[in-house]
């Protein structure tokens, strides 16, 4: 099919992430795939998906990213995996945006405009699987 080149079913080999990312810091974060200008030449956007699975019982939780900003806008989503209550995140997300800390326990999506500080982003008390995705209007995530 003519659009097969734009569809991925395997993760990017040997992805490189900025220093503010804590990729692989937890065995409870399972990457699905990353789509960017390196995996789909000419792509003008970035997208990434992963599962966060139950099991981390540490008080500190899973630190996904430190505080940072981008020159592009970013869509961030966390979605609970509970058919009986799709709004129940099944965990607690601590997410700081523009130096204001938020504690979120419901499935959510947020858009962070270019230049706005965000992070740290910490996941705690994971009781059910969570689907996590990001997307941005940039070919390469930095």
Protein backbone atom coordinates (compact mmCIF):
# COMPACT_ATOMS: atom_id res chain seq x y z
CA UNK A 1 0.00 0.00 0.00
CA UNK A 2 1.21 3.51 -0.74
CA UNK A 3 0.98 4.68 2.92
CA UNK A 4 2.79 1.71 4.48
CA UNK A 5 5.98 3.78 4.66
CA UNK A 6 4.21 6.07 7.17
CA UNK A 7 3.14 3.29 9.55
CA UNK A 8 5.42 1.79 12.16
CA UNK A 9 5.02 -1.46 14.06
CA UNK A 10 8.44 -1.63 15.74
CA UNK A 11 10.33 0.86 17.89
CA UNK A 12 13.18 3.01 16.65
CA UNK A 13 16.51 1.24 16.99
CA UNK A 14 18.91 2.80 19.50
CA UNK A 15 16.94 5.99 20.19
CA UNK A 16 18.90 8.90 21.67
CA UNK A 17 17.14 11.14 24.18
CA UNK A 18 17.94 14.53 25.70
CA UNK A 19 19.56 14.58 29.16
CA UNK A 20 16.27 15.64 30.84
CA UNK A 21 14.68 12.30 29.85
CA UNK A 22 15.07 9.29 32.11
CA UNK A 23 14.40 6.65 29.49
CA UNK A 24 14.89 3.13 30.76
CA UNK A 25 15.03 4.29 34.38
CA UNK A 26 12.33 1.80 35.28
CA UNK A 27 11.54 -1.74 34.19
CA UNK A 28 7.89 -0.71 34.55
CA UNK A 29 8.03 1.59 31.50
CA UNK A 30 7.60 -0.40 28.27
CA UNK A 31 8.29 1.51 25.07
CA UNK A 32 6.01 0.79 22.11
CA UNK A 33 7.41 2.99 19.34
CA UNK A 34 8.69 6.37 18.28
CA UNK A 35 7.89 8.09 15.00
CA UNK A 36 10.03 11.03 13.86
CA UNK A 37 11.95 12.34 10.86
CA UNK A 38 14.58 9.61 11.33
CA UNK A 39 12.05 6.75 11.21
CA UNK A 40 9.81 8.34 8.55
CA UNK A 41 12.00 10.61 6.40
CA UNK A 42 10.41 14.01 5.90
CA UNK A 43 8.07 13.75 8.92
CA UNK A 44 7.33 17.17 10.35
CA UNK A 45 6.15 15.82 13.69
CA UNK A 46 7.24 13.54 16.48
CA UNK A 47 5.16 10.94 18.30
CA UNK A 48 6.00 8.38 20.95
CA UNK A 49 3.97 5.77 22.82
CA UNK A 50 4.65 3.54 25.81
CA UNK A 51 2.96 1.51 28.52
CA UNK A 52 3.55 2.09 32.20
CA UNK A 53 2.73 -1.11 34.06
CA UNK A 54 1.98 -1.79 37.75
CA UNK A 55 4.79 -2.82 40.03
CA UNK A 56 6.84 0.18 41.17
CA UNK A 57 6.06 0.57 44.86
CA UNK A 58 8.80 3.10 45.67
CA UNK A 59 7.76 6.28 47.43
CA UNK A 60 9.73 8.31 44.86
CA UNK A 61 7.81 6.83 41.93
CA UNK A 62 9.06 6.73 38.34
CA UNK A 63 10.75 9.96 37.22
CA UNK A 64 10.10 10.25 33.47
CA UNK A 65 11.51 13.75 32.81
CA UNK A 66 13.20 16.62 34.63
CA UNK A 67 12.10 20.23 34.26
CA UNK A 68 12.70 21.55 30.72
CA UNK A 69 11.31 23.64 27.85
CA UNK A 70 11.08 23.18 24.08
CA UNK A 71 11.02 25.46 21.07
CA UNK A 72 7.89 23.57 19.93
CA UNK A 73 4.49 22.74 21.44
CA UNK A 74 3.99 19.27 22.94
CA UNK A 75 0.89 17.15 23.47
CA UNK A 76 1.18 14.80 26.46
CA UNK A 77 -1.37 12.14 27.39
CA UNK A 78 -1.85 9.51 30.09
CA UNK A 79 -4.80 7.15 29.75
CA UNK A 80 -5.95 4.53 32.26
CA UNK A 81 -6.69 0.98 31.23
CA UNK A 82 -9.91 0.28 33.10
CA UNK A 83 -12.91 -0.61 30.93
CA UNK A 84 -15.30 -0.01 33.83
CA UNK A 85 -14.05 3.57 34.40
CA UNK A 86 -11.91 4.97 31.57
CA UNK A 87 -11.38 8.19 33.55
CA UNK A 88 -9.63 6.30 36.39
CA UNK A 89 -5.93 6.63 35.65
CA UNK A 90 -5.06 3.79 38.04
CA UNK A 91 -2.09 5.83 39.29
CA UNK A 92 -0.99 9.27 40.40
CA UNK A 93 0.88 11.65 38.12
CA UNK A 94 2.85 14.56 39.56
CA UNK A 95 3.30 17.03 36.73
CA UNK A 96 4.74 20.52 37.09
CA UNK A 97 3.81 23.05 34.41
CA UNK A 98 5.00 26.66 34.46
CA UNK A 99 6.37 25.95 37.97
CA UNK A 100 2.92 24.91 39.26
CA UNK A 101 2.68 21.34 40.58
CA UNK A 102 -0.39 19.28 39.65
CA UNK A 103 -1.38 15.88 41.06
CA UNK A 104 -3.56 14.04 38.54
CA UNK A 105 -5.46 10.77 39.12
CA UNK A 106 -7.71 10.83 36.04
CA UNK A 107 -6.90 10.05 32.41
CA UNK A 108 -5.77 13.28 30.79
CA UNK A 109 -4.18 15.07 27.86
CA UNK A 110 -2.32 18.37 28.09
CA UNK A 111 -0.85 20.69 25.49
CA UNK A 112 2.31 22.51 26.56
CA UNK A 113 3.02 25.54 24.34
CA UNK A 114 6.55 26.27 23.11
CA UNK A 115 8.75 27.89 25.74
CA UNK A 116 6.64 26.81 28.74
CA UNK A 117 8.52 25.01 31.52
CA UNK A 118 7.25 21.51 32.27
CA UNK A 119 8.51 18.74 34.50
CA UNK A 120 9.40 17.07 36.59
CA UNK A 121 6.95 14.38 35.55
CA UNK A 122 6.66 11.57 38.10
CA UNK A 123 4.36 8.52 38.04
CA UNK A 124 3.41 6.96 41.39
CA UNK A 125 1.19 4.22 42.80
CA UNK A 126 0.57 2.45 39.49
CA UNK A 127 -2.27 -0.02 40.11
CA UNK A 128 -3.35 -0.57 36.50
CA UNK A 129 -1.58 -0.24 33.13
CA UNK A 130 -1.36 3.28 31.71
CA UNK A 131 -0.99 4.20 28.05
CA UNK A 132 1.31 7.23 27.73
CA UNK A 133 1.88 9.20 24.55
CA UNK A 134 3.55 12.39 23.42
CA UNK A 135 3.40 14.26 20.13
CA UNK A 136 4.99 17.48 18.95
CA UNK A 137 5.22 19.65 15.88
CA UNK A 138 8.90 18.91 15.34
CA UNK A 139 10.69 16.32 13.25
CA UNK A 140 13.19 15.45 15.98
CA UNK A 141 12.49 15.60 19.73
CA UNK A 142 15.09 17.61 21.67
